[in-house]
Amino acid sequence: MKSPMTAEKFWIGWLKITLFIIIIVGIFLVILGNTGYADVLNKKLNHTFYSGNIPEKSVLLMRGWLIGVSGAIMTGWGTTMLYIVYHAFLKKEKWSWRSIFYPLIIWYLLDSAVSAYYNAMFNVVINTVLFLQVMAPLLFLRNLFFSETKKKS
């Protein structure tokens, strides 16, 4: 008989799936980020930075490089968090929760501020969805890491 799904299993599963998606999207951006397979992203970039016009070839090459590097960073970031989740997080080591929580906040604030400054609001929306996808399980699981046992006086 299968054991029922607990809230802990649900949120850890949610976190694992989200991190796998981050890794897959990162690899996608490395390989296909500046091709027709990423048309939605490229159209948003063209609209935001080039008034909808297709930029000259050198700009396209630079954009391809930046998207590829961003994808590589995403892949590394997602892999690091997934490794932490599969090891220290499952053991409920406090540092593992913090090592995902604080960098996530720093990334979200900085990336979203820079995106908003350059009027790349589509990226702020993507950041917000991704932030909530990772932050929700962290907040729901926080008590497993930091539950205080009160001493009776």
C-alpha atoms as a PDB file:
ATOM      1  CA  MET A   1       0.000   0.000   0.000  1.00  0.00           C
ATOM      2  CA  LYS A   2       1.318   3.421  -0.984  1.00  0.00           C
ATOM      3  CA  SER A   3       1.837   5.934   1.804  1.00  0.00           C
ATOM      4  CA  PRO A   4      -0.216   9.118   1.527  1.00  0.00           C
ATOM      5  CA  MET A   5       1.410  12.250   0.170  1.00  0.00           C
ATOM      6  CA  THR A   6       2.469  14.487   3.013  1.00  0.00           C
ATOM      7  CA  ALA A   7       2.837  18.242   2.724  1.00  0.00           C
ATOM      8  CA  GLU A   8       6.594  17.814   3.130  1.00  0.00           C
ATOM      9  CA  LYS A   9       6.827  15.331   0.245  1.00  0.00           C
ATOM     10  CA  PHE A  10       4.609  17.547  -1.923  1.00  0.00           C
ATOM     11  CA  TRP A  11       6.708  20.702  -1.426  1.00  0.00           C
ATOM     12  CA  ILE A  12      10.030  18.918  -1.794  1.00  0.00           C
ATOM     13  CA  GLY A  13       8.722  17.305  -4.990  1.00  0.00           C
ATOM     14  CA  TRP A  14       7.526  20.714  -6.191  1.00  0.00           C
ATOM     15  CA  LEU A  15      10.964  22.171  -5.497  1.00  0.00           C
ATOM     16  CA  LYS A  16      12.750  19.335  -7.321  1.00  0.00           C
ATOM     17  CA  ILE A  17      10.508  19.657 -10.394  1.00  0.00           C
ATOM     18  CA  THR A  18      10.975  23.446 -10.468  1.00  0.00           C
ATOM     19  CA  LEU A  19      14.751  23.088 -10.264  1.00  0.00           C
ATOM     20  CA  PHE A  20      14.759  20.450 -13.030  1.00  0.00           C
ATOM     21  CA  ILE A  21      12.783  22.896 -15.192  1.00  0.00           C
ATOM     22  CA  ILE A  22      15.309  25.667 -14.447  1.00  0.00           C
ATOM     23  CA  ILE A  23      18.129  23.353 -15.545  1.00  0.00           C
ATOM     24  CA  ILE A  24      16.311  22.290 -18.736  1.00  0.00           C
ATOM     25  CA  VAL A  25      15.444  25.896 -19.665  1.00  0.00           C
ATOM     26  CA  GLY A  26      19.063  26.896 -19.001  1.00  0.00           C
ATOM     27  CA  ILE A  27      20.345  24.152 -21.308  1.00  0.00           C
ATOM     28  CA  PHE A  28      17.738  25.177 -23.906  1.00  0.00           C
ATOM     29  CA  LEU A  29      19.008  28.776 -23.775  1.00  0.00           C
ATOM     30  CA  VAL A  30      22.620  27.624 -24.156  1.00  0.00           C
ATOM     31  CA  ILE A  31      21.845  25.534 -27.218  1.00  0.00           C
ATOM     32  CA  LEU A  32      18.880  27.244 -28.896  1.00  0.00           C
ATOM     33  CA  GLY A  33      18.468  30.653 -27.221  1.00  0.00           C
ATOM     34  CA  ASN A  34      19.119  32.751 -30.306  1.00  0.00           C
ATOM     35  CA  THR A  35      17.345  30.539 -32.827  1.00  0.00           C
ATOM     36  CA  GLY A  36      13.804  30.243 -34.123  1.00  0.00           C
ATOM     37  CA  TYR A  37      13.057  27.818 -31.286  1.00  0.00           C
ATOM     38  CA  ALA A  38      13.162  30.718 -28.835  1.00  0.00           C
ATOM     39  CA  ASP A  39      10.976  33.061 -30.905  1.00  0.00           C
ATOM     40  CA  VAL A  40       8.905  34.252 -27.934  1.00  0.00           C
ATOM     41  CA  LEU A  41      12.031  35.378 -26.076  1.00  0.00           C
ATOM     42  CA  ASN A  42      13.619  36.886 -29.179  1.00  0.00           C
ATOM     43  CA  LYS A  43      10.463  38.800 -30.132  1.00  0.00           C
ATOM     44  CA  LYS A  44      10.249  40.232 -26.601  1.00  0.00           C
ATOM     45  CA  LEU A  45      13.910  41.261 -26.761  1.00  0.00           C
ATOM     46  CA  ASN A  46      13.458  42.819 -30.220  1.00  0.00           C
ATOM     47  CA  HIS A  47      10.375  44.717 -29.077  1.00  0.00           C
ATOM     48  CA  THR A  48      12.006  45.951 -25.856  1.00  0.00           C
ATOM     49  CA  PHE A  49      15.410  46.957 -27.203  1.00  0.00           C
ATOM     50  CA  TYR A  50      15.026  47.441 -30.967  1.00  0.00           C
ATOM     51  CA  SER A  51      11.480  48.819 -31.375  1.00  0.00           C
ATOM     52  CA  GLY A  52      10.459  45.505 -32.912  1.00  0.00           C
ATOM     53  CA  ASN A  53      13.006  45.652 -35.734  1.00  0.00           C
ATOM     54  CA  ILE A  54      15.437  42.819 -36.279  1.00  0.00           C
ATOM     55  CA  PRO A  55      18.894  44.067 -35.283  1.00  0.00           C
ATOM     56  CA  GLU A  56      21.988  43.781 -37.457  1.00  0.00           C
ATOM     57  CA  LYS A  57      24.004  40.561 -37.468  1.00  0.00           C
ATOM     58  CA  SER A  58      26.645  41.678 -34.934  1.00  0.00           C
ATOM     59  CA  VAL A  59      23.929  42.589 -32.426  1.00  0.00           C
ATOM     60  CA  LEU A  60      22.266  39.211 -32.995  1.00  0.00           C
ATOM     61  CA  LEU A  61      25.581  37.471 -32.319  1.00  0.00           C
ATOM     62  CA  MET A  62      26.082  39.445 -29.109  1.00  0.00           C
ATOM     63  CA  ARG A  63      22.516  38.688 -28.010  1.00  0.00           C
ATOM     64  CA  GLY A  64      23.067  34.993 -28.752  1.00  0.00           C
ATOM     65  CA  TRP A  65      26.189  35.011 -26.622  1.00  0.00           C
ATOM     66  CA  LEU A  66      24.415  36.784 -23.732  1.00  0.00           C
ATOM     67  CA  ILE A  67      21.461  34.395 -23.872  1.00  0.00           C
ATOM     68  CA  GLY A  68      23.822  31.408 -23.962  1.00  0.00           C
ATOM     69  CA  VAL A  69      25.826  32.670 -20.990  1.00  0.00           C
ATOM     70  CA  SER A  70      22.588  33.377 -19.093  1.00  0.00           C
ATOM     71  CA  GLY A  71      21.440  29.837 -19.826  1.00  0.00           C
ATOM     72  CA  ALA A  72      24.738  28.424 -18.571  1.00  0.00           C
ATOM     73  CA  ILE A  73      24.412  30.415 -15.340  1.00  0.00           C
ATOM     74  CA  MET A  74      20.811  29.228 -14.936  1.00  0.00           C
ATOM     75  CA  THR A  75      21.888  25.633 -15.469  1.00  0.00           C
ATOM     76  CA  GLY A  76      24.661  25.900 -12.886  1.00  0.00           C
ATOM     77  CA  TRP A  77      22.423  27.710 -10.392  1.00  0.00           C
ATOM     78  CA  GLY A  78      19.615  25.178 -10.781  1.00  0.00           C
ATOM     79  CA  THR A  79      22.022  22.234 -10.541  1.00  0.00           C
ATOM     80  CA  THR A  80      23.578  23.636  -7.362  1.00  0.00           C
ATOM     81  CA  MET A  81      20.186  24.121  -5.711  1.00  0.00           C
ATOM     82  CA  LEU A  82      19.004  20.681  -6.826  1.00  0.00           C
ATOM     83  CA  TYR A  83      22.143  19.086  -5.370  1.00  0.00           C
ATOM     84  CA  ILE A  84      21.505  20.878  -2.069  1.00  0.00           C
ATOM     85  CA  VAL A  85      17.872  19.704  -2.064  1.00  0.00           C
ATOM     86  CA  TYR A  86      18.803  16.073  -2.769  1.00  0.00           C
ATOM     87  CA  HIS A  87      21.399  15.975   0.002  1.00  0.00           C
ATOM     88  CA  ALA A  88      21.489  18.465   2.890  1.00  0.00           C
ATOM     89  CA  PHE A  89      17.925  19.736   2.427  1.00  0.00           C
ATOM     90  CA  LEU A  90      16.434  16.249   2.808  1.00  0.00           C
ATOM     91  CA  LYS A  91      18.453  15.879   6.020  1.00  0.00           C
ATOM     92  CA  LYS A  92      16.880  19.175   7.176  1.00  0.00           C
ATOM     93  CA  GLU A  93      20.219  20.875   7.678  1.00  0.00           C
ATOM     94  CA  LYS A  94      19.473  24.537   8.408  1.00  0.00           C
ATOM     95  CA  TRP A  95      22.239  25.885   6.191  1.00  0.00           C
ATOM     96  CA  SER A  96      20.672  24.185   3.159  1.00  0.00           C
ATOM     97  CA  TRP A  97      17.405  26.098   3.560  1.00  0.00           C
ATOM     98  CA  ARG A  98      19.292  29.368   3.969  1.00  0.00           C
ATOM     99  CA  SER A  99      21.592  28.586   1.017  1.00  0.00           C
ATOM    100  CA  ILE A 100      18.580  28.568  -1.287  1.00  0.00           C
ATOM    101  CA  PHE A 101      16.463  31.243   0.434  1.00  0.00           C
ATOM    102  CA  TYR A 102      18.926  34.155   0.613  1.00  0.00           C
ATOM    103  CA  PRO A 103      20.512  33.819  -2.846  1.00  0.00           C
ATOM    104  CA  LEU A 104      17.004  33.531  -4.322  1.00  0.00           C
ATOM    105  CA  ILE A 105      15.988  36.861  -2.764  1.00  0.00           C
ATOM    106  CA  ILE A 106      19.218  38.562  -3.867  1.00  0.00           C
ATOM    107  CA  TRP A 107      18.855  37.220  -7.436  1.00  0.00           C
ATOM    108  CA  TYR A 108      15.197  38.248  -7.647  1.00  0.00           C
ATOM    109  CA  LEU A 109      15.729  41.794  -6.403  1.00  0.00           C
ATOM    110  CA  LEU A 110      18.811  42.504  -8.520  1.00  0.00           C
ATOM    111  CA  ASP A 111      17.630  40.807 -11.730  1.00  0.00           C
ATOM    112  CA  SER A 112      14.169  42.361 -11.502  1.00  0.00           C
ATOM    113  CA  ALA A 113      15.536  45.833 -10.706  1.00  0.00           C
ATOM    114  CA  VAL A 114      17.904  45.752 -13.699  1.00  0.00           C
ATOM    115  CA  SER A 115      15.132  44.378 -15.933  1.00  0.00           C
ATOM    116  CA  ALA A 116      12.701  47.079 -14.788  1.00  0.00           C
ATOM    117  CA  TYR A 117      15.351  49.777 -15.297  1.00  0.00           C
ATOM    118  CA  TYR A 118      15.753  48.666 -18.920  1.00  0.00           C
ATOM    119  CA  ASN A 119      11.977  48.286 -19.293  1.00  0.00           C
ATOM    120  CA  ALA A 120      12.265  44.513 -19.866  1.00  0.00           C
ATOM    121  CA  MET A 121       9.052  43.936 -17.930  1.00  0.00           C
ATOM    122  CA  PHE A 122       8.538  40.522 -19.541  1.00  0.00           C
ATOM    123  CA  ASN A 123      11.626  39.397 -17.602  1.00  0.00           C
ATOM    124  CA  VAL A 124      10.275  40.835 -14.342  1.00  0.00           C
ATOM    125  CA  VAL A 125       7.163  38.697 -14.890  1.00  0.00           C
ATOM    126  CA  ILE A 126       9.279  35.589 -15.619  1.00  0.00           C
ATOM    127  CA  ASN A 127      11.421  36.336 -12.547  1.00  0.00           C
ATOM    128  CA  THR A 128       8.341  36.713 -10.346  1.00  0.00           C
ATOM    129  CA  VAL A 129       6.849  33.401 -11.483  1.00  0.00           C
ATOM    130  CA  LEU A 130      10.162  31.602 -10.967  1.00  0.00           C
ATOM    131  CA  PHE A 131      10.718  33.304  -7.609  1.00  0.00           C
ATOM    132  CA  LEU A 132       7.296  32.200  -6.354  1.00  0.00           C
ATOM    133  CA  GLN A 133       7.823  28.665  -7.705  1.00  0.00           C
ATOM    134  CA  VAL A 134      10.944  28.248  -5.556  1.00  0.00           C
ATOM    135  CA  MET A 135       9.968  30.468  -2.617  1.00  0.00           C
ATOM    136  CA  ALA A 136       6.596  28.778  -1.942  1.00  0.00           C
ATOM    137  CA  PRO A 137       8.079  25.389  -0.971  1.00  0.00           C
ATOM    138  CA  LEU A 138      10.806  27.091   1.053  1.00  0.00           C
ATOM    139  CA  LEU A 139       8.260  29.013   3.081  1.00  0.00           C
ATOM    140  CA  PHE A 140       5.967  26.009   3.536  1.00  0.00           C
ATOM    141  CA  LEU A 141       8.909  23.846   4.670  1.00  0.00           C
ATOM    142  CA  ARG A 142      10.609  26.458   6.858  1.00  0.00           C
ATOM    143  CA  ASN A 143       9.218  25.006  10.114  1.00  0.00           C
ATOM    144  CA  LEU A 144      10.889  21.667   9.384  1.00  0.00           C
ATOM    145  CA  PHE A 145      14.245  23.433   9.574  1.00  0.00           C
ATOM    146  CA  PHE A 146      13.662  26.010  12.269  1.00  0.00           C
ATOM    147  CA  SER A 147      10.979  24.690  14.627  1.00  0.00           C
ATOM    148  CA  GLU A 148      11.820  25.934  18.065  1.00  0.00           C
ATOM    149  CA  THR A 149      11.248  23.577  20.958  1.00  0.00           C
ATOM    150  CA  LYS A 150      10.258  25.674  23.917  1.00  0.00           C
ATOM    151  CA  LYS A 151      11.688  24.735  27.269  1.00  0.00           C
ATOM    152  CA  LYS A 152       9.247  24.377  30.115  1.00  0.00           C
ATOM    153  CA  SER A 153      10.131  26.559  33.074  1.00  0.00           C
END
